[in-house]
Amino acid sequence: MRNRLLALSGTLCTLCTVLGTAGAVQAPPYSEAVKYADIQAAYIDEASGMADSRENPGILWIHNDSGDGAYVYGIDRKGVTRAIYLVRHAAASDWEAMSYGPGPDGKGNFLYLGDIGDNARARTDTTVYRVPEPKIPSFPSSPEKAKPLLTEEPTIRRTFQYPDGAHDAEALMVHPKTGDIYIVTKEVSGAAGVYKFPKEPEAWWEKNTLTRVGTVTIANEKHPFPNLVTGGDISPDGTKVILRTYAAAYELVLPSDAKEFDVIWSVTPVAIPLPPMRQGESICYSTDGKTLYTTSEKTPAPLYELKAK
């Protein structure tokens, strides 16, 4: 979101608090956020998407917002870049989100990258890319952005449109069992629409029309830019969803008697406090689902974790 927020917001955010969503009265299910590192690379200045690696334990995948190329960065627990990959056959107009997930058959380890930002609500080329998750070479290296590694083929490119007109969006999620792809929109009203991709056709390059399957409402935040969904993820066991805004995180838990996953979008979110960040847009579950990771745009980008109680 380069230059989208007022310069004043960075100062105001240090004073922000969150009241949470109306009706969210449960105690937060996670411990207080702990900062464990800063991302050290100056070229990661708009961290907008993140996913916990399955192929490389201890690595978080990060990508920048608009203004960067089609790069993904492997970051270790000290905030050090361990790998830089250029996604083959991909463009990066306004990358806003990343998710781990299986393929459409429920198998494999893939990274999904969401070129889904649309401030003007006028784009006709919004796209979600899917690439095999890279396995970082074990030999010692000092990655250089000028000499990136390349992701493996194929790069699946799923362009899409909404059924009710264009939307801005910054949250992309993939169900860990089915491979179903979801987008949650960024709405000033706080009533974020939840949209689902159709099953992937054999002709995957054809444009997809999404289906609206729910609404998640965030309200009552005290923040210069309140109630805007900027990131999200589905837990590895498929029973929880985490969404974040500039001020806080919100978790939805699938009822134990639910017959289908999409029931989750009607659940009242539980508010989870986050520390003040200059422009928080990324959040994900750890591979075991017991930790939340989150970061922010701007340099240096802090890396926080929240442990499940």
Protein backbone atom coordinates (compact mmCIF):
# COMPACT_ATOMS: atom_id res chain seq x y z
CA MET A 1 0.00 0.00 0.00
CA ARG A 2 2.75 2.42 -0.93
CA ASN A 3 1.80 6.04 -0.16
CA ARG A 4 -1.80 5.09 0.60
CA LEU A 5 -1.81 6.01 4.25
CA LEU A 6 -1.18 9.50 5.53
CA ALA A 7 2.28 10.04 6.94
CA LEU A 8 0.59 10.96 10.19
CA SER A 9 -0.80 7.45 10.61
CA GLY A 10 2.52 6.07 11.76
CA THR A 11 2.45 8.40 14.74
CA LEU A 12 -1.23 7.96 15.43
CA CYS A 13 -0.96 4.18 15.41
CA THR A 14 1.25 4.27 18.47
CA LEU A 15 -1.75 5.64 20.33
CA CYS A 16 -4.29 3.25 18.86
CA THR A 17 -6.42 0.87 20.86
CA VAL A 18 -9.04 -1.59 19.74
CA LEU A 19 -12.47 -2.17 21.19
CA GLY A 20 -13.00 -5.23 19.04
CA THR A 21 -16.11 -6.55 17.39
CA ALA A 22 -19.48 -6.14 18.99
CA GLY A 23 -20.35 -9.31 20.85
CA ALA A 24 -16.75 -10.57 20.99
CA VAL A 25 -16.56 -10.98 24.77
CA GLN A 26 -14.39 -14.08 25.05
CA ALA A 27 -10.87 -13.80 26.45
CA PRO A 28 -8.18 -13.78 23.77
CA PRO A 29 -7.08 -17.38 23.04
CA TYR A 30 -3.45 -16.31 22.51
CA SER A 31 -0.76 -14.93 24.77
CA GLU A 32 0.55 -11.39 24.35
CA ALA A 33 2.51 -10.82 21.16
CA VAL A 34 6.29 -11.15 21.46
CA LYS A 35 8.65 -9.51 19.02
CA TYR A 36 11.43 -11.96 18.13
CA ALA A 37 13.21 -10.18 15.26
CA ASP A 38 13.19 -7.40 12.70
CA ILE A 39 13.39 -8.19 9.01
CA GLN A 40 16.88 -6.99 8.20
CA ALA A 41 16.77 -6.51 4.42
CA ALA A 42 16.07 -2.94 3.31
CA TYR A 43 14.41 -4.24 0.12
CA ILE A 44 11.61 -5.79 2.20
CA ASP A 45 9.97 -2.47 2.97
CA GLU A 46 6.30 -3.28 2.36
CA ALA A 47 5.81 -6.77 3.79
CA SER A 48 2.25 -7.49 2.73
CA GLY A 49 1.96 -11.28 2.59
CA MET A 50 3.41 -14.12 4.64
CA ALA A 51 3.20 -17.90 5.04
CA ASP A 52 4.96 -20.40 7.29
CA SER A 53 7.08 -22.78 5.23
CA ARG A 54 6.32 -26.51 5.09
CA GLU A 55 9.40 -27.41 3.05
CA ASN A 56 11.87 -25.31 5.08
CA PRO A 57 11.34 -25.45 8.87
CA GLY A 58 12.02 -22.13 10.59
CA ILE A 59 11.43 -20.08 7.44
CA LEU A 60 8.68 -17.56 6.78
CA TRP A 61 7.89 -16.62 3.20
CA ILE A 62 7.33 -12.89 2.73
CA HIS A 63 6.51 -10.70 -0.25
CA ASN A 64 6.26 -6.95 -0.76
CA ASP A 65 3.28 -4.87 -1.76
CA SER A 66 3.11 -2.90 -5.02
CA GLY A 67 6.37 -1.46 -6.29
CA ASP A 68 8.39 -4.68 -6.13
CA GLY A 69 8.68 -7.42 -8.73
CA ALA A 70 7.32 -10.96 -8.49
CA TYR A 71 9.68 -11.92 -5.65
CA VAL A 72 9.21 -14.07 -2.56
CA TYR A 73 11.72 -13.97 0.27
CA GLY A 74 12.60 -16.76 2.71
CA ILE A 75 13.23 -15.19 6.15
CA ASP A 76 14.70 -17.06 9.15
CA ARG A 77 14.06 -16.61 12.89
CA LYS A 78 16.66 -13.85 13.09
CA GLY A 79 15.01 -11.84 10.34
CA VAL A 80 17.77 -12.72 7.88
CA THR A 81 16.97 -13.41 4.22
CA ARG A 82 17.94 -17.00 3.37
CA ALA A 83 16.54 -17.17 -0.17
CA ILE A 84 15.14 -14.94 -2.87
CA TYR A 85 12.92 -16.42 -5.56
CA LEU A 86 11.47 -14.85 -8.66
CA VAL A 87 8.10 -16.35 -9.57
CA ARG A 88 8.18 -17.54 -13.16
CA HIS A 89 5.65 -16.10 -15.60
CA ALA A 90 4.11 -13.81 -13.00
CA ALA A 91 3.48 -10.08 -12.83
CA ALA A 92 3.22 -8.09 -9.61
CA SER A 93 0.83 -5.19 -10.09
CA ASP A 94 -0.52 -5.04 -6.53
CA TRP A 95 0.44 -8.15 -4.57
CA GLU A 96 -1.38 -8.01 -1.27
CA ALA A 97 -1.49 -11.51 0.20
CA MET A 98 0.10 -14.93 0.35
CA SER A 99 -1.17 -18.28 1.57
CA TYR A 100 0.12 -21.81 1.88
CA GLY A 101 -2.15 -24.54 0.56
CA PRO A 102 -2.42 -27.84 -1.29
CA GLY A 103 -3.35 -28.13 -4.93
CA PRO A 104 -6.98 -28.47 -6.06
CA ASP A 105 -6.73 -32.22 -5.39
CA GLY A 106 -5.83 -31.55 -1.74
CA LYS A 107 -2.23 -32.69 -2.24
CA GLY A 108 1.18 -31.03 -2.37
CA ASN A 109 2.76 -27.91 -0.89
CA PHE A 110 2.14 -24.69 -2.77
CA LEU A 111 2.38 -20.96 -2.29
CA TYR A 112 -0.57 -18.90 -3.42
CA LEU A 113 0.14 -15.24 -4.23
CA GLY A 114 -2.65 -12.72 -4.49
CA ASP A 115 -2.37 -9.88 -7.00
CA ILE A 116 -5.70 -8.71 -5.63
CA GLY A 117 -5.28 -5.07 -4.57
CA ASP A 118 -7.62 -2.69 -6.35
CA ASN A 119 -7.87 0.69 -4.63
CA ALA A 120 -9.71 2.26 -7.54
CA ARG A 121 -11.98 -0.78 -7.94
CA ALA A 122 -11.32 -0.78 -11.65
CA ARG A 123 -8.95 -3.67 -12.38
CA THR A 124 -9.80 -6.40 -14.87
CA ASP A 125 -6.62 -8.43 -14.30
CA THR A 126 -6.80 -9.45 -10.63
CA THR A 127 -5.04 -12.79 -10.28
CA VAL A 128 -4.07 -15.52 -7.85
CA TYR A 129 -0.87 -17.40 -8.70
CA ARG A 130 0.00 -20.89 -7.47
CA VAL A 131 3.57 -22.20 -7.50
CA PRO A 132 5.24 -25.23 -5.88
CA GLU A 133 6.75 -24.16 -2.57
CA PRO A 134 10.51 -23.83 -3.08
CA LYS A 135 12.92 -26.05 -1.21
CA ILE A 136 15.79 -23.74 -0.26
CA PRO A 137 19.18 -25.22 -1.22
CA SER A 138 21.14 -26.45 1.79
CA PHE A 139 24.50 -25.13 0.59
CA PRO A 140 25.70 -21.84 2.14
CA SER A 141 24.68 -18.78 0.17
CA SER A 142 24.27 -15.04 0.41
CA PRO A 143 21.15 -14.37 -1.66
CA GLU A 144 21.20 -11.38 -3.96
CA LYS A 145 18.09 -9.81 -5.38
CA ALA A 146 19.93 -9.27 -8.66
CA LYS A 147 20.50 -13.05 -8.88
CA PRO A 148 17.28 -14.68 -7.65
CA LEU A 149 16.45 -18.34 -7.81
CA LEU A 150 13.47 -19.29 -9.96
CA THR A 151 10.37 -21.09 -8.76
CA GLU A 152 9.58 -24.45 -10.29
CA GLU A 153 7.10 -24.88 -13.11
CA PRO A 154 4.22 -24.69 -13.53
CA THR A 155 2.95 -21.31 -12.42
CA ILE A 156 -0.83 -21.57 -12.37
CA ARG A 157 -2.49 -18.21 -13.03
CA ARG A 158 -6.14 -17.88 -12.03
CA THR A 159 -7.59 -14.55 -13.08
CA PHE A 160 -10.95 -13.72 -11.57
CA GLN A 161 -13.85 -11.34 -11.26
CA TYR A 162 -16.39 -10.79 -8.50
CA PRO A 163 -20.06 -11.45 -9.19
CA ASP A 164 -21.11 -8.01 -7.88
CA GLY A 165 -18.52 -5.59 -9.21
CA ALA A 166 -14.89 -4.90 -8.40
CA HIS A 167 -13.55 -4.86 -4.83
CA ASP A 168 -10.31 -3.98 -3.13
CA ALA A 169 -8.87 -6.93 -1.17
CA GLU A 170 -5.82 -7.81 0.90
CA ALA A 171 -6.72 -11.20 2.43
CA LEU A 172 -6.19 -14.47 0.54
CA MET A 173 -6.73 -17.86 2.17
CA VAL A 174 -6.55 -21.46 1.00
CA HIS A 175 -8.25 -24.34 2.78
CA PRO A 176 -5.53 -26.79 3.87
CA LYS A 177 -7.58 -29.90 3.09
CA THR A 178 -9.54 -29.05 -0.04
CA GLY A 179 -7.42 -26.38 -1.73
CA ASP A 180 -10.45 -24.08 -1.95
CA ILE A 181 -9.37 -20.45 -2.42
CA TYR A 182 -11.02 -17.58 -0.53
CA ILE A 183 -10.67 -13.80 -0.75
CA VAL A 184 -11.92 -11.44 1.95
CA THR A 185 -12.45 -7.88 0.76
CA LYS A 186 -11.33 -4.63 2.38
CA GLU A 187 -14.40 -2.53 3.07
CA VAL A 188 -14.58 0.91 4.71
CA SER A 189 -17.91 -0.13 6.21
CA GLY A 190 -16.22 -3.00 8.05
CA ALA A 191 -18.57 -5.51 6.38
CA ALA A 192 -15.99 -7.59 4.52
CA GLY A 193 -17.28 -9.86 1.79
CA VAL A 194 -16.02 -13.45 1.63
CA TYR A 195 -15.65 -14.83 -1.90
CA LYS A 196 -14.79 -18.34 -3.03
CA PHE A 197 -13.18 -19.56 -6.23
CA PRO A 198 -14.91 -22.29 -8.24
CA LYS A 199 -13.16 -25.63 -8.50
CA GLU A 200 -10.18 -25.36 -10.78
CA PRO A 201 -11.09 -26.34 -14.34
CA GLU A 202 -8.77 -28.17 -16.69
CA ALA A 203 -8.48 -24.90 -18.61
CA TRP A 204 -7.16 -23.09 -15.52
CA TRP A 205 -6.19 -19.99 -17.55
CA GLU A 206 -9.82 -19.05 -18.15
CA LYS A 207 -11.25 -16.24 -15.99
CA ASN A 208 -13.10 -17.33 -12.87
CA THR A 209 -16.26 -15.76 -11.45
CA LEU A 210 -16.21 -16.00 -7.67
CA THR A 211 -19.15 -16.83 -5.41
CA ARG A 212 -19.96 -14.75 -2.35
CA VAL A 213 -20.25 -17.15 0.57
CA GLY A 214 -20.37 -14.85 3.58
CA THR A 215 -19.75 -11.55 5.32
CA VAL A 216 -17.47 -10.87 8.27
CA THR A 217 -18.12 -7.60 10.07
CA ILE A 218 -15.41 -5.80 12.02
CA ALA A 219 -16.61 -2.81 14.06
CA ASN A 220 -15.78 -0.35 16.84
CA GLU A 221 -12.04 -0.11 16.25
CA LYS A 222 -10.31 3.04 17.44
CA HIS A 223 -7.75 3.66 14.74
CA PRO A 224 -7.16 6.26 12.00
CA PHE A 225 -8.16 3.59 9.46
CA PRO A 226 -10.56 1.29 11.34
CA ASN A 227 -12.26 -2.01 10.52
CA LEU A 228 -10.32 -2.78 7.33
CA VAL A 229 -9.33 -6.42 6.75
CA THR A 230 -5.69 -6.48 5.62
CA GLY A 231 -4.70 -10.15 5.93
CA GLY A 232 -5.87 -13.62 6.89
CA ASP A 233 -5.22 -17.34 7.04
CA ILE A 234 -6.91 -20.69 7.69
CA SER A 235 -5.44 -22.94 10.38
CA PRO A 236 -3.67 -26.14 9.25
CA ASP A 237 -6.48 -28.32 10.60
CA GLY A 238 -9.13 -26.29 8.81
CA THR A 239 -11.09 -25.37 11.95
CA LYS A 240 -10.13 -21.71 12.42
CA VAL A 241 -9.74 -18.51 10.46
CA ILE A 242 -7.58 -15.57 11.50
CA LEU A 243 -8.15 -12.10 10.05
CA ARG A 244 -6.23 -8.97 10.86
CA THR A 245 -6.81 -5.26 10.50
CA TYR A 246 -4.45 -2.35 11.08
CA ALA A 247 -5.39 -2.49 14.77
CA ALA A 248 -6.01 -6.08 15.83
CA ALA A 249 -6.62 -9.69 14.85
CA TYR A 250 -9.89 -11.63 14.90
CA GLU A 251 -10.35 -15.39 15.04
CA LEU A 252 -13.35 -17.41 13.92
CA VAL A 253 -13.73 -21.00 15.11
CA LEU A 254 -15.74 -23.58 13.20
CA PRO A 255 -18.55 -25.04 15.34
CA SER A 256 -17.92 -28.68 16.23
CA ASP A 257 -21.22 -29.73 14.67
CA ALA A 258 -20.69 -27.84 11.40
CA LYS A 259 -21.31 -29.92 8.29
CA GLU A 260 -19.31 -27.67 5.97
CA PHE A 261 -16.48 -25.19 6.31
CA ASP A 262 -18.36 -22.13 5.03
CA VAL A 263 -20.46 -22.11 8.20
CA ILE A 264 -17.43 -20.41 9.77
CA TRP A 265 -18.19 -17.08 8.11
CA SER A 266 -21.30 -16.65 10.28
CA VAL A 267 -19.36 -17.11 13.54
CA THR A 268 -18.78 -14.07 15.78
CA PRO A 269 -15.06 -13.19 15.68
CA VAL A 270 -13.01 -13.15 18.89
CA ALA A 271 -10.76 -10.09 19.13
CA ILE A 272 -7.03 -10.69 19.66
CA PRO A 273 -4.97 -7.62 20.65
CA LEU A 274 -1.87 -6.83 18.60
CA PRO A 275 0.93 -4.39 19.40
CA PRO A 276 0.92 -1.05 17.56
CA MET A 277 2.42 -1.36 14.08
CA ARG A 278 2.90 1.24 11.43
CA GLN A 279 0.96 -0.66 8.77
CA GLY A 280 0.11 -4.23 9.72
CA GLU A 281 -1.07 -6.26 6.75
CA SER A 282 0.20 -9.83 7.22
CA ILE A 283 -0.74 -12.69 9.51
CA CYS A 284 -0.54 -16.48 9.33
CA TYR A 285 -0.71 -19.64 11.42
CA SER A 286 2.36 -21.72 12.13
CA THR A 287 2.56 -25.15 10.53
CA ASP A 288 1.20 -26.77 13.72
CA GLY A 289 -1.51 -24.15 14.20
CA LYS A 290 -0.32 -23.25 17.71
CA THR A 291 1.26 -19.89 16.90
CA LEU A 292 0.31 -16.77 14.98
CA TYR A 293 2.94 -14.82 13.07
CA THR A 294 2.41 -11.23 12.01
CA THR A 295 4.41 -8.34 10.61
CA SER A 296 4.03 -4.86 9.19
CA GLU A 297 4.99 -2.78 6.21
CA LYS A 298 7.81 -0.22 6.48
CA THR A 299 11.46 -0.78 7.43
CA PRO A 300 12.50 -2.39 9.67
CA ALA A 301 9.52 -4.74 9.63
CA PRO A 302 8.98 -6.35 13.05
CA LEU A 303 8.26 -10.06 13.35
CA TYR A 304 5.85 -10.98 16.15
CA GLU A 305 4.50 -14.30 17.38
CA LEU A 306 1.51 -15.09 19.57
CA LYS A 307 1.33 -18.49 21.28
CA ALA A 308 -1.97 -20.29 21.79
CA LYS A 309 -2.96 -20.53 25.45
